[in-house]
C-alpha atoms as a PDB file:
ATOM      1  CA  UNK A   1     100.975  92.466  24.305  1.00  0.00           C
ATOM      2  CA  UNK A   2     102.876  95.894  24.580  1.00  0.00           C
ATOM      3  CA  UNK A   3     101.978  98.531  27.037  1.00  0.00           C
ATOM      4  CA  UNK A   4     102.226 101.897  28.186  1.00  0.00           C
ATOM      5  CA  UNK A   5     103.849 102.463  31.877  1.00  0.00           C
ATOM      6  CA  UNK A   6     104.365 105.486  33.594  1.00  0.00           C
ATOM      7  CA  UNK A   7     107.000 105.549  36.167  1.00  0.00           C
ATOM      8  CA  UNK A   8     108.076 108.311  38.294  1.00  0.00           C
ATOM      9  CA  UNK A   9     112.526 108.371  39.050  1.00  0.00           C
ATOM     10  CA  UNK A  10     114.121 108.454  42.457  1.00  0.00           C
ATOM     11  CA  UNK A  11     117.328 108.579  43.489  1.00  0.00           C
ATOM     12  CA  UNK A  12     118.310 107.337  46.781  1.00  0.00           C
ATOM     13  CA  UNK A  13     121.817 108.360  48.152  1.00  0.00           C
ATOM     14  CA  UNK A  14     122.959 106.852  50.906  1.00  0.00           C
ATOM     15  CA  UNK A  15     125.895 108.238  52.854  1.00  0.00           C
ATOM     16  CA  UNK A  16     128.185 105.503  53.253  1.00  0.00           C
ATOM     17  CA  UNK A  17     131.012 107.701  55.266  1.00  0.00           C
ATOM     18  CA  UNK A  18     132.252 106.449  58.806  1.00  0.00           C
ATOM     19  CA  UNK A  19     129.964 107.968  61.100  1.00  0.00           C
ATOM     20  CA  UNK A  20     127.042 105.815  59.538  1.00  0.00           C
ATOM     21  CA  UNK A  21     128.651 102.995  61.361  1.00  0.00           C
ATOM     22  CA  UNK A  22     127.440 104.586  64.360  1.00  0.00           C
ATOM     23  CA  UNK A  23     125.009 103.169  66.884  1.00  0.00           C
ATOM     24  CA  UNK A  24     122.582 105.545  68.075  1.00  0.00           C
ATOM     25  CA  UNK A  25     120.011 104.350  65.551  1.00  0.00           C
ATOM     26  CA  UNK A  26     119.857 100.713  66.169  1.00  0.00           C
ATOM     27  CA  UNK A  27     121.227  98.229  64.973  1.00  0.00           C
ATOM     28  CA  UNK A  28     123.652 101.187  62.809  1.00  0.00           C
ATOM     29  CA  UNK A  29     122.680 103.499  61.263  1.00  0.00           C
ATOM     30  CA  UNK A  30     124.120 102.109  57.858  1.00  0.00           C
ATOM     31  CA  UNK A  31     122.126  98.776  58.752  1.00  0.00           C
ATOM     32  CA  UNK A  32     119.061 101.254  58.929  1.00  0.00           C
ATOM     33  CA  UNK A  33     119.518 102.528  55.784  1.00  0.00           C
ATOM     34  CA  UNK A  34     119.712  99.579  54.321  1.00  0.00           C
ATOM     35  CA  UNK A  35     116.442  98.599  55.878  1.00  0.00           C
ATOM     36  CA  UNK A  36     114.823 101.970  54.458  1.00  0.00           C
ATOM     37  CA  UNK A  37     116.118 101.152  51.272  1.00  0.00           C
ATOM     38  CA  UNK A  38     114.264  97.851  51.094  1.00  0.00           C
ATOM     39  CA  UNK A  39     110.719  99.305  52.308  1.00  0.00           C
ATOM     40  CA  UNK A  40     110.964 102.263  49.551  1.00  0.00           C
ATOM     41  CA  UNK A  41     111.910  99.643  47.214  1.00  0.00           C
ATOM     42  CA  UNK A  42     108.981  97.686  48.119  1.00  0.00           C
ATOM     43  CA  UNK A  43     106.929 100.196  48.428  1.00  0.00           C
ATOM     44  CA  UNK A  44     106.832 101.961  45.399  1.00  0.00           C
ATOM     45  CA  UNK A  45     106.226  99.899  42.222  1.00  0.00           C
ATOM     46  CA  UNK A  46     105.125 102.543  39.966  1.00  0.00           C
ATOM     47  CA  UNK A  47     108.800 104.327  40.502  1.00  0.00           C
ATOM     48  CA  UNK A  48     112.281 103.705  38.986  1.00  0.00           C
ATOM     49  CA  UNK A  49     114.610 103.702  41.705  1.00  0.00           C
ATOM     50  CA  UNK A  50     118.316 104.289  41.224  1.00  0.00           C
ATOM     51  CA  UNK A  51     120.816 104.036  44.040  1.00  0.00           C
ATOM     52  CA  UNK A  52     124.309 106.285  44.365  1.00  0.00           C
ATOM     53  CA  UNK A  53     126.665 105.898  47.531  1.00  0.00           C
ATOM     54  CA  UNK A  54     128.579 108.733  48.769  1.00  0.00           C
ATOM     55  CA  UNK A  55     131.221 109.607  50.933  1.00  0.00           C
ATOM     56  CA  UNK A  56     133.451 112.758  49.836  1.00  0.00           C
ATOM     57  CA  UNK A  57     132.731 111.374  46.057  1.00  0.00           C
ATOM     58  CA  UNK A  58     129.893 109.454  44.980  1.00  0.00           C
ATOM     59  CA  UNK A  59     129.214 106.251  42.943  1.00  0.00           C
ATOM     60  CA  UNK A  60     126.142 104.711  41.093  1.00  0.00           C
ATOM     61  CA  UNK A  61     125.597 101.495  42.676  1.00  0.00           C
ATOM     62  CA  UNK A  62     123.160 100.979  41.138  1.00  0.00           C
ATOM     63  CA  UNK A  63     121.492 102.719  37.466  1.00  0.00           C
ATOM     64  CA  UNK A  64     117.453 103.412  37.455  1.00  0.00           C
ATOM     65  CA  UNK A  65     115.711 100.232  37.120  1.00  0.00           C
ATOM     66  CA  UNK A  66     112.164  99.254  38.100  1.00  0.00           C
ATOM     67  CA  UNK A  67     113.811  95.652  38.650  1.00  0.00           C
ATOM     68  CA  UNK A  68     113.314  95.833  42.689  1.00  0.00           C
ATOM     69  CA  UNK A  69     114.895  92.816  43.179  1.00  0.00           C
ATOM     70  CA  UNK A  70     118.234  93.998  41.618  1.00  0.00           C
ATOM     71  CA  UNK A  71     118.279  96.551  43.264  1.00  0.00           C
ATOM     72  CA  UNK A  72     118.113  94.905  46.357  1.00  0.00           C
ATOM     73  CA  UNK A  73     120.560  92.714  45.375  1.00  0.00           C
ATOM     74  CA  UNK A  74     123.344  95.063  44.365  1.00  0.00           C
ATOM     75  CA  UNK A  75     122.985  97.191  47.668  1.00  0.00           C
ATOM     76  CA  UNK A  76     122.661  93.976  50.479  1.00  0.00           C
ATOM     77  CA  UNK A  77     126.515  92.927  48.673  1.00  0.00           C
ATOM     78  CA  UNK A  78     127.944  95.987  49.481  1.00  0.00           C
ATOM     79  CA  UNK A  79     130.475  95.464  52.257  1.00  0.00           C
ATOM     80  CA  UNK A  80     130.323  98.340  54.498  1.00  0.00           C
ATOM     81  CA  UNK A  81     133.653  97.116  56.406  1.00  0.00           C
ATOM     82  CA  UNK A  82     135.822  98.665  53.505  1.00  0.00           C
ATOM     83  CA  UNK A  83     134.408 101.795  53.801  1.00  0.00           C
ATOM     84  CA  UNK A  84     137.090 103.944  55.941  1.00  0.00           C
ATOM     85  CA  UNK A  85     136.325 107.442  55.112  1.00  0.00           C
ATOM     86  CA  UNK A  86     135.381 109.740  58.105  1.00  0.00           C
ATOM     87  CA  UNK A  87     134.194 112.295  55.757  1.00  0.00           C
ATOM     88  CA  UNK A  88     130.919 112.807  54.047  1.00  0.00           C
ATOM     89  CA  UNK A  89     129.822 115.667  50.792  1.00  0.00           C
ATOM     90  CA  UNK A  90     126.309 116.198  49.686  1.00  0.00           C
ATOM     91  CA  UNK A  91     127.193 118.082  46.527  1.00  0.00           C
ATOM     92  CA  UNK A  92     128.837 115.301  44.685  1.00  0.00           C
ATOM     93  CA  UNK A  93     126.020 113.029  45.504  1.00  0.00           C
ATOM     94  CA  UNK A  94     123.294 115.620  44.131  1.00  0.00           C
ATOM     95  CA  UNK A  95     125.185 116.365  41.282  1.00  0.00           C
ATOM     96  CA  UNK A  96     125.948 112.142  40.310  1.00  0.00           C
ATOM     97  CA  UNK A  97     121.544 112.048  40.969  1.00  0.00           C
ATOM     98  CA  UNK A  98     120.647 114.471  38.638  1.00  0.00           C
ATOM     99  CA  UNK A  99     123.325 112.929  36.283  1.00  0.00           C
ATOM    100  CA  UNK A 100     121.332 109.698  36.636  1.00  0.00           C
ATOM    101  CA  UNK A 101     117.930 110.970  34.941  1.00  0.00           C
ATOM    102  CA  UNK A 102     116.550 112.851  32.586  1.00  0.00           C
ATOM    103  CA  UNK A 103     113.507 113.596  34.536  1.00  0.00           C
ATOM    104  CA  UNK A 104     111.792 117.201  34.640  1.00  0.00           C
ATOM    105  CA  UNK A 105     111.376 117.079  38.462  1.00  0.00           C
ATOM    106  CA  UNK A 106     113.838 114.624  40.236  1.00  0.00           C
ATOM    107  CA  UNK A 107     113.100 112.970  43.244  1.00  0.00           C
ATOM    108  CA  UNK A 108     115.649 112.345  45.703  1.00  0.00           C
ATOM    109  CA  UNK A 109     116.173 110.932  48.956  1.00  0.00           C
ATOM    110  CA  UNK A 110     119.179 111.447  50.969  1.00  0.00           C
ATOM    111  CA  UNK A 111     119.907 108.368  53.680  1.00  0.00           C
ATOM    112  CA  UNK A 112     122.356 110.353  56.046  1.00  0.00           C
ATOM    113  CA  UNK A 113     123.330 111.567  59.270  1.00  0.00           C
ATOM    114  CA  UNK A 114     123.575 115.380  57.974  1.00  0.00           C
ATOM    115  CA  UNK A 115     127.109 115.067  56.814  1.00  0.00           C
ATOM    116  CA  UNK A 116     129.897 117.485  58.163  1.00  0.00           C
ATOM    117  CA  UNK A 117     128.901 120.852  56.770  1.00  0.00           C
ATOM    118  CA  UNK A 118     127.698 124.090  58.652  1.00  0.00           C
ATOM    119  CA  UNK A 119     125.785 125.929  56.216  1.00  0.00           C
ATOM    120  CA  UNK A 120     124.550 124.064  52.839  1.00  0.00           C
ATOM    121  CA  UNK A 121     123.241 127.512  50.741  1.00  0.00           C
ATOM    122  CA  UNK A 122     124.998 126.198  47.877  1.00  0.00           C
ATOM    123  CA  UNK A 123     123.829 122.663  47.470  1.00  0.00           C
ATOM    124  CA  UNK A 124     120.283 123.860  48.305  1.00  0.00           C
ATOM    125  CA  UNK A 125     120.527 126.074  45.330  1.00  0.00           C
ATOM    126  CA  UNK A 126     122.308 123.304  43.219  1.00  0.00           C
ATOM    127  CA  UNK A 127     119.088 121.348  44.030  1.00  0.00           C
ATOM    128  CA  UNK A 128     116.354 123.996  43.289  1.00  0.00           C
ATOM    129  CA  UNK A 129     117.883 125.103  40.186  1.00  0.00           C
ATOM    130  CA  UNK A 130     118.285 121.800  38.437  1.00  0.00           C
ATOM    131  CA  UNK A 131     114.647 120.969  39.594  1.00  0.00           C
ATOM    132  CA  UNK A 132     115.409 118.519  42.371  1.00  0.00           C
ATOM    133  CA  UNK A 133     112.933 117.736  45.005  1.00  0.00           C
ATOM    134  CA  UNK A 134     115.466 117.121  47.927  1.00  0.00           C
ATOM    135  CA  UNK A 135     113.743 114.723  51.005  1.00  0.00           C
ATOM    136  CA  UNK A 136     116.276 113.994  53.822  1.00  0.00           C
ATOM    137  CA  UNK A 137     115.677 111.103  55.734  1.00  0.00           C
ATOM    138  CA  UNK A 138     118.100 112.089  59.188  1.00  0.00           C
ATOM    139  CA  UNK A 139     119.664 109.006  60.749  1.00  0.00           C
ATOM    140  CA  UNK A 140     120.919 109.985  63.861  1.00  0.00           C
ATOM    141  CA  UNK A 141     120.120 111.097  67.117  1.00  0.00           C
ATOM    142  CA  UNK A 142     120.480 114.737  68.678  1.00  0.00           C
ATOM    143  CA  UNK A 143     122.341 112.897  71.461  1.00  0.00           C
ATOM    144  CA  UNK A 144     124.533 111.337  68.824  1.00  0.00           C
ATOM    145  CA  UNK A 145     127.537 108.129  69.071  1.00  0.00           C
ATOM    146  CA  UNK A 146     131.045 107.580  69.290  1.00  0.00           C
ATOM    147  CA  UNK A 147     132.887 105.350  66.914  1.00  0.00           C
ATOM    148  CA  UNK A 148     134.746 102.802  67.112  1.00  0.00           C
ATOM    149  CA  UNK A 149     137.935 101.875  65.045  1.00  0.00           C
ATOM    150  CA  UNK A 150     138.667  98.651  63.633  1.00  0.00           C
ATOM    151  CA  UNK A 151     141.364  98.526  66.718  1.00  0.00           C
ATOM    152  CA  UNK A 152     138.151  99.025  69.011  1.00  0.00           C
ATOM    153  CA  UNK A 153     139.664 102.036  70.224  1.00  0.00           C
ATOM    154  CA  UNK A 154     136.875 105.193  69.883  1.00  0.00           C
ATOM    155  CA  UNK A 155     137.474 107.699  67.178  1.00  0.00           C
ATOM    156  CA  UNK A 156     139.383 110.768  68.282  1.00  0.00           C
ATOM    157  CA  UNK A 157     139.982 114.581  66.355  1.00  0.00           C
ATOM    158  CA  UNK A 158     143.117 116.291  65.633  1.00  0.00           C
ATOM    159  CA  UNK A 159     143.330 117.460  69.409  1.00  0.00           C
ATOM    160  CA  UNK A 160     142.530 114.242  71.052  1.00  0.00           C
ATOM    161  CA  UNK A 161     139.183 114.556  72.368  1.00  0.00           C
ATOM    162  CA  UNK A 162     136.746 111.916  71.626  1.00  0.00           C
ATOM    163  CA  UNK A 163     134.759 112.218  68.394  1.00  0.00           C
ATOM    164  CA  UNK A 164     130.707 112.330  68.786  1.00  0.00           C
ATOM    165  CA  UNK A 165     128.640 111.958  65.995  1.00  0.00           C
ATOM    166  CA  UNK A 166     125.166 113.617  65.799  1.00  0.00           C
ATOM    167  CA  UNK A 167     122.478 114.649  64.041  1.00  0.00           C
ATOM    168  CA  UNK A 168     123.254 117.740  61.431  1.00  0.00           C
ATOM    169  CA  UNK A 169     120.395 120.111  61.307  1.00  0.00           C
ATOM    170  CA  UNK A 170     121.992 122.024  59.066  1.00  0.00           C
ATOM    171  CA  UNK A 171     121.189 119.441  56.083  1.00  0.00           C
ATOM    172  CA  UNK A 172     117.528 120.602  56.268  1.00  0.00           C
ATOM    173  CA  UNK A 173     118.045 123.632  54.585  1.00  0.00           C
ATOM    174  CA  UNK A 174     118.273 121.793  51.106  1.00  0.00           C
ATOM    175  CA  UNK A 175     115.230 120.257  51.663  1.00  0.00           C
ATOM    176  CA  UNK A 176     113.555 123.466  52.640  1.00  0.00           C
ATOM    177  CA  UNK A 177     115.147 125.436  49.832  1.00  0.00           C
ATOM    178  CA  UNK A 178     114.162 122.501  47.249  1.00  0.00           C
ATOM    179  CA  UNK A 179     111.206 121.828  48.062  1.00  0.00           C
ATOM    180  CA  UNK A 180     111.304 118.160  49.902  1.00  0.00           C
ATOM    181  CA  UNK A 181     111.166 117.341  53.265  1.00  0.00           C
ATOM    182  CA  UNK A 182     113.078 116.874  56.509  1.00  0.00           C
ATOM    183  CA  UNK A 183     112.165 113.591  58.434  1.00  0.00           C
ATOM    184  CA  UNK A 184     112.381 110.006  60.659  1.00  0.00           C
ATOM    185  CA  UNK A 185     109.504 108.898  60.118  1.00  0.00           C
ATOM    186  CA  UNK A 186     109.359 106.169  57.333  1.00  0.00           C
ATOM    187  CA  UNK A 187     105.518 106.919  56.404  1.00  0.00           C
ATOM    188  CA  UNK A 188     106.068 110.805  56.151  1.00  0.00           C
ATOM    189  CA  UNK A 189     108.559 110.029  53.259  1.00  0.00           C
ATOM    190  CA  UNK A 190     106.795 107.445  51.726  1.00  0.00           C
ATOM    191  CA  UNK A 191     103.552 110.067  51.378  1.00  0.00           C
ATOM    192  CA  UNK A 192     106.264 112.460  50.417  1.00  0.00           C
ATOM    193  CA  UNK A 193     107.756 110.697  47.341  1.00  0.00           C
ATOM    194  CA  UNK A 194     104.061 110.242  46.199  1.00  0.00           C
ATOM    195  CA  UNK A 195     102.737 113.652  46.109  1.00  0.00           C
ATOM    196  CA  UNK A 196     105.918 114.707  44.521  1.00  0.00           C
ATOM    197  CA  UNK A 197     105.285 111.639  41.673  1.00  0.00           C
ATOM    198  CA  UNK A 198     105.153 113.145  38.134  1.00  0.00           C
ATOM    199  CA  UNK A 199     104.173 111.421  34.930  1.00  0.00           C
ATOM    200  CA  UNK A 200     106.936 112.182  32.751  1.00  0.00           C
ATOM    201  CA  UNK A 201     108.689 108.869  32.079  1.00  0.00           C
ATOM    202  CA  UNK A 202     106.595 106.574  29.728  1.00  0.00           C
ATOM    203  CA  UNK A 203     108.181 103.392  29.175  1.00  0.00           C
ATOM    204  CA  UNK A 204     106.893 100.384  26.848  1.00  0.00           C
ATOM    205  CA  UNK A 205     106.657  97.300  28.865  1.00  0.00           C
ATOM    206  CA  UNK A 206     105.325  93.766  26.951  1.00  0.00           C
ATOM    207  CA  UNK A 207     103.397  91.307  28.768  1.00  0.00           C
ATOM    208  CA  UNK A 208     103.550  87.937  27.162  1.00  0.00           C
ATOM    209  CA  UNK A 209      99.774  86.277  27.574  1.00  0.00           C
ATOM    210  CA  UNK A 210      99.935  82.350  26.703  1.00  0.00           C
ATOM    211  CA  UNK A 211      97.448  80.609  24.421  1.00  0.00           C
ATOM    212  CA  UNK A 212      96.973  77.028  25.618  1.00  0.00           C
ATOM    213  CA  UNK A 213      96.767  74.983  22.022  1.00  0.00           C
ATOM    214  CA  UNK A 214      96.975  71.768  23.200  1.00  0.00           C
ATOM    215  CA  UNK A 215      93.813  70.523  23.672  1.00  0.00           C
ATOM    216  CA  UNK A 216      93.399  70.582  19.427  1.00  0.00           C
ATOM    217  CA  UNK A 217      96.252  67.788  19.701  1.00  0.00           C
ATOM    218  CA  UNK A 218      94.693  65.795  22.353  1.00  0.00           C
ATOM    219  CA  UNK A 219      91.498  65.674  20.627  1.00  0.00           C
ATOM    220  CA  UNK A 220      93.325  64.570  17.335  1.00  0.00           C
ATOM    221  CA  UNK A 221      94.849  61.989  19.206  1.00  0.00           C
ATOM    222  CA  UNK A 222      91.835  60.436  20.641  1.00  0.00           C
ATOM    223  CA  UNK A 223      90.129  60.465  17.048  1.00  0.00           C
END
């Protein structure tokens, strides 16, 4: 049986920079991002999800798919111990997200601590011009946290001062301009994604329905 199913596209962009190892969000910012990804994929069954990771560049971790098990497997296999990039940039993530989907109005979720910029005017303009609703789920606290290197020492800047990674609220400019939200609450994010859902992606699916015919042969055998 062939049926039409309407799906919306959501691209989840996960910040993979070194600052995501901070533990001001328990158990760590990156581990919390993984938990968020699992919850999002499990809560929305009428959406196609794509996942990308970004630092100063962006890579596709999973193309758009409605196969939630595949998404979770691909991201859970990511070994964050190999991530050493200290900075992150939002623009490459937005550009890659837009390339991943032909949806007229694309929903994007940024799981990030806000990255490094003081202003996101160009990113906000790009998102608006390309019909992207960017939702920022903030994974950092206002107090922030220090970062430990593999040798156990605290990360320091070029002047030798200890680095404290904090919530960068400047990124809210992107969500404000693009029509998304800036939040730390999962339920609020989920409600917003449902409001943004547009039925512009129709997919044909095939459902297999079995017809049991064995009893005809059973009757013949008895006879």
